[in-house]
């Protein structure tokens, strides 16, 4: 799946709740995956970006 405008829009909407939040950890388990662990106050979410499924929550 290409990282086009629709995917970018979806990623932005998912990340909006973490404005002024902090990045806890960033992992790159392999060359096609990026995992972000973000937190803001008591909210914590893990985002898994990879080539086949751009955003998994």
C-alpha atoms as a PDB file:
ATOM      1  CA  UNK A   1       0.000   0.000   0.000  1.00  0.00           C
ATOM      2  CA  UNK A   2       1.493   3.379  -0.936  1.00  0.00           C
ATOM      3  CA  UNK A   3       1.884   6.100   1.669  1.00  0.00           C
ATOM      4  CA  UNK A   4      -0.394   8.534  -0.152  1.00  0.00           C
ATOM      5  CA  UNK A   5      -2.608  11.437   0.921  1.00  0.00           C
ATOM      6  CA  UNK A   6      -5.378   9.242   2.340  1.00  0.00           C
ATOM      7  CA  UNK A   7      -2.959   7.268   4.485  1.00  0.00           C
ATOM      8  CA  UNK A   8      -1.238  10.464   5.638  1.00  0.00           C
ATOM      9  CA  UNK A   9      -4.626  11.952   6.583  1.00  0.00           C
ATOM     10  CA  UNK A  10      -5.490   8.843   8.616  1.00  0.00           C
ATOM     11  CA  UNK A  11      -2.137   8.886  10.409  1.00  0.00           C
ATOM     12  CA  UNK A  12      -2.580  12.575  11.282  1.00  0.00           C
ATOM     13  CA  UNK A  13      -6.056  11.916  12.691  1.00  0.00           C
ATOM     14  CA  UNK A  14      -4.752   9.053  14.832  1.00  0.00           C
ATOM     15  CA  UNK A  15      -1.867  11.156  16.161  1.00  0.00           C
ATOM     16  CA  UNK A  16      -3.907  14.314  16.926  1.00  0.00           C
ATOM     17  CA  UNK A  17      -4.733  13.149  20.447  1.00  0.00           C
ATOM     18  CA  UNK A  18      -0.985  13.066  21.203  1.00  0.00           C
ATOM     19  CA  UNK A  19      -0.280  16.725  20.472  1.00  0.00           C
ATOM     20  CA  UNK A  20       2.043  17.876  23.290  1.00  0.00           C
ATOM     21  CA  UNK A  21       2.567  14.210  24.184  1.00  0.00           C
ATOM     22  CA  UNK A  22       5.831  12.309  24.404  1.00  0.00           C
ATOM     23  CA  UNK A  23       7.438   9.526  22.424  1.00  0.00           C
ATOM     24  CA  UNK A  24       8.260   6.708  24.836  1.00  0.00           C
ATOM     25  CA  UNK A  25      10.038   4.347  22.468  1.00  0.00           C
ATOM     26  CA  UNK A  26      10.758   3.875  18.772  1.00  0.00           C
ATOM     27  CA  UNK A  27      11.570   0.418  17.445  1.00  0.00           C
ATOM     28  CA  UNK A  28      12.573  -0.721  13.989  1.00  0.00           C
ATOM     29  CA  UNK A  29      12.267  -4.523  14.191  1.00  0.00           C
ATOM     30  CA  UNK A  30      13.183  -4.870  10.510  1.00  0.00           C
ATOM     31  CA  UNK A  31      13.718  -2.682   7.453  1.00  0.00           C
ATOM     32  CA  UNK A  32       9.988  -2.399   6.668  1.00  0.00           C
ATOM     33  CA  UNK A  33       8.505  -1.766  10.133  1.00  0.00           C
ATOM     34  CA  UNK A  34       8.514   1.166  12.540  1.00  0.00           C
ATOM     35  CA  UNK A  35       6.827   0.902  15.937  1.00  0.00           C
ATOM     36  CA  UNK A  36       6.098   4.075  17.942  1.00  0.00           C
ATOM     37  CA  UNK A  37       4.971   4.041  21.564  1.00  0.00           C
ATOM     38  CA  UNK A  38       3.457   7.415  22.435  1.00  0.00           C
ATOM     39  CA  UNK A  39       1.987   8.735  25.656  1.00  0.00           C
ATOM     40  CA  UNK A  40       0.144  11.765  26.919  1.00  0.00           C
ATOM     41  CA  UNK A  41      -0.831  11.995  30.556  1.00  0.00           C
ATOM     42  CA  UNK A  42      -2.592   8.672  31.196  1.00  0.00           C
ATOM     43  CA  UNK A  43      -3.123   7.691  27.534  1.00  0.00           C
ATOM     44  CA  UNK A  44      -0.620   5.313  25.949  1.00  0.00           C
ATOM     45  CA  UNK A  45      -0.853   3.861  22.440  1.00  0.00           C
ATOM     46  CA  UNK A  46       1.356   1.743  20.241  1.00  0.00           C
ATOM     47  CA  UNK A  47       1.490   2.449  16.515  1.00  0.00           C
ATOM     48  CA  UNK A  48       2.961  -0.099  14.124  1.00  0.00           C
ATOM     49  CA  UNK A  49       3.847   1.288  10.707  1.00  0.00           C
ATOM     50  CA  UNK A  50       4.864  -1.294   8.133  1.00  0.00           C
ATOM     51  CA  UNK A  51       4.893  -1.646   4.377  1.00  0.00           C
ATOM     52  CA  UNK A  52       2.011  -4.115   4.019  1.00  0.00           C
ATOM     53  CA  UNK A  53      -0.348  -2.521   6.563  1.00  0.00           C
ATOM     54  CA  UNK A  54       0.631   1.100   7.000  1.00  0.00           C
ATOM     55  CA  UNK A  55      -0.999   1.679  10.398  1.00  0.00           C
ATOM     56  CA  UNK A  56      -2.003  -0.919  12.946  1.00  0.00           C
ATOM     57  CA  UNK A  57      -3.165   0.095  16.411  1.00  0.00           C
END
